[in-house]
Amino acid sequence: MKIYLNGEKFEGSENLTLADLVARQAPSDRRVAVLHNGQVITADRLDSVHLAPDDRVELVTLAPGG
């Protein structure tokens, strides 16, 4: 299944959840903000959001510094 991850095409498996995607793509030592089709998704909802073809997901990590 094709989705867009941070603006790039990404091939994911069927029945992929946001929790699965974050676990595979985000650094484990950082907190990640997740946007799904333009909506912020809280951490407690990541398991319940199943991705569909052409969905758009943005994973954003914060970095200290200036």
C-alpha atoms as a PDB file:
ATOM      1  CA  MET A   1       0.000   0.000   0.000  1.00  0.00           C
ATOM      2  CA  LYS A   2       1.355   3.418  -0.955  1.00  0.00           C
ATOM      3  CA  ILE A   3       1.203   6.338   1.495  1.00  0.00           C
ATOM      4  CA  TYR A   4       3.143   9.570   1.749  1.00  0.00           C
ATOM      5  CA  LEU A   5       5.538   9.816   4.679  1.00  0.00           C
ATOM      6  CA  ASN A   6       7.044  13.254   5.251  1.00  0.00           C
ATOM      7  CA  GLY A   7       6.201  14.136   1.655  1.00  0.00           C
ATOM      8  CA  GLU A   8       7.831  11.054   0.098  1.00  0.00           C
ATOM      9  CA  LYS A   9       6.165   7.942  -1.316  1.00  0.00           C
ATOM     10  CA  PHE A  10       6.345   5.053   1.146  1.00  0.00           C
ATOM     11  CA  GLU A  11       5.303   1.441   0.614  1.00  0.00           C
ATOM     12  CA  GLY A  12       3.695  -0.062   3.695  1.00  0.00           C
ATOM     13  CA  SER A  13       1.939  -3.303   4.429  1.00  0.00           C
ATOM     14  CA  GLU A  14      -1.819  -3.690   4.571  1.00  0.00           C
ATOM     15  CA  ASN A  15      -3.377  -3.080   8.008  1.00  0.00           C
ATOM     16  CA  LEU A  16      -0.518  -0.735   8.961  1.00  0.00           C
ATOM     17  CA  THR A  17      -1.318   1.458  11.960  1.00  0.00           C
ATOM     18  CA  LEU A  18       0.276   4.741  12.907  1.00  0.00           C
ATOM     19  CA  ALA A  19       1.803   2.974  15.920  1.00  0.00           C
ATOM     20  CA  ASP A  20       3.491   0.453  13.581  1.00  0.00           C
ATOM     21  CA  LEU A  21       4.796   3.229  11.353  1.00  0.00           C
ATOM     22  CA  VAL A  22       6.170   5.274  14.253  1.00  0.00           C
ATOM     23  CA  ALA A  23       7.870   2.189  15.719  1.00  0.00           C
ATOM     24  CA  ARG A  24       9.608   1.507  12.388  1.00  0.00           C
ATOM     25  CA  GLN A  25      10.466   5.035  11.285  1.00  0.00           C
ATOM     26  CA  ALA A  26      11.001   7.271  14.323  1.00  0.00           C
ATOM     27  CA  PRO A  27      14.100   7.319  16.513  1.00  0.00           C
ATOM     28  CA  SER A  28      13.303   5.397  19.680  1.00  0.00           C
ATOM     29  CA  ASP A  29      15.031   7.916  21.927  1.00  0.00           C
ATOM     30  CA  ARG A  30      12.905  10.894  20.844  1.00  0.00           C
ATOM     31  CA  ARG A  31       9.306  11.913  21.197  1.00  0.00           C
ATOM     32  CA  VAL A  32       7.492  12.298  17.900  1.00  0.00           C
ATOM     33  CA  ALA A  33       4.567  14.476  16.862  1.00  0.00           C
ATOM     34  CA  VAL A  34       2.321  12.696  14.354  1.00  0.00           C
ATOM     35  CA  LEU A  35       0.079  14.326  11.768  1.00  0.00           C
ATOM     36  CA  HIS A  36      -2.285  12.128   9.775  1.00  0.00           C
ATOM     37  CA  ASN A  37      -3.924  13.819   6.802  1.00  0.00           C
ATOM     38  CA  GLY A  38      -3.331  17.173   8.471  1.00  0.00           C
ATOM     39  CA  GLN A  39      -4.698  16.201  11.897  1.00  0.00           C
ATOM     40  CA  VAL A  40      -2.548  15.859  15.019  1.00  0.00           C
ATOM     41  CA  ILE A  41      -2.849  12.354  16.465  1.00  0.00           C
ATOM     42  CA  THR A  42      -2.174  11.898  20.172  1.00  0.00           C
ATOM     43  CA  ALA A  43      -0.024   9.003  21.391  1.00  0.00           C
ATOM     44  CA  ASP A  44      -3.000   7.225  22.947  1.00  0.00           C
ATOM     45  CA  ARG A  45      -4.703   7.008  19.529  1.00  0.00           C
ATOM     46  CA  LEU A  46      -1.779   5.720  17.425  1.00  0.00           C
ATOM     47  CA  ASP A  47      -2.869   2.059  17.732  1.00  0.00           C
ATOM     48  CA  SER A  48      -6.401   2.806  16.577  1.00  0.00           C
ATOM     49  CA  VAL A  49      -5.558   4.692  13.357  1.00  0.00           C
ATOM     50  CA  HIS A  50      -5.217   2.335  10.392  1.00  0.00           C
ATOM     51  CA  LEU A  51      -3.622   3.771   7.283  1.00  0.00           C
ATOM     52  CA  ALA A  52      -5.281   3.750   3.869  1.00  0.00           C
ATOM     53  CA  PRO A  53      -3.788   4.178   0.392  1.00  0.00           C
ATOM     54  CA  ASP A  54      -2.624   7.733  -0.350  1.00  0.00           C
ATOM     55  CA  ASP A  55      -2.803   8.833   3.303  1.00  0.00           C
ATOM     56  CA  ARG A  56      -0.342  11.541   4.264  1.00  0.00           C
ATOM     57  CA  VAL A  57       1.673  11.181   7.444  1.00  0.00           C
ATOM     58  CA  GLU A  58       4.185  13.610   8.907  1.00  0.00           C
ATOM     59  CA  LEU A  59       6.503  12.484  11.703  1.00  0.00           C
ATOM     60  CA  VAL A  60       8.126  15.448  13.421  1.00  0.00           C
ATOM     61  CA  THR A  61      10.853  15.274  16.055  1.00  0.00           C
ATOM     62  CA  LEU A  62      12.058  18.226  18.053  1.00  0.00           C
ATOM     63  CA  ALA A  63      15.758  18.987  18.228  1.00  0.00           C
ATOM     64  CA  PRO A  64      17.374  21.177  20.859  1.00  0.00           C
ATOM     65  CA  GLY A  65      19.585  24.048  19.820  1.00  0.00           C
ATOM     66  CA  GLY A  66      19.204  27.216  17.896  1.00  0.00           C
END
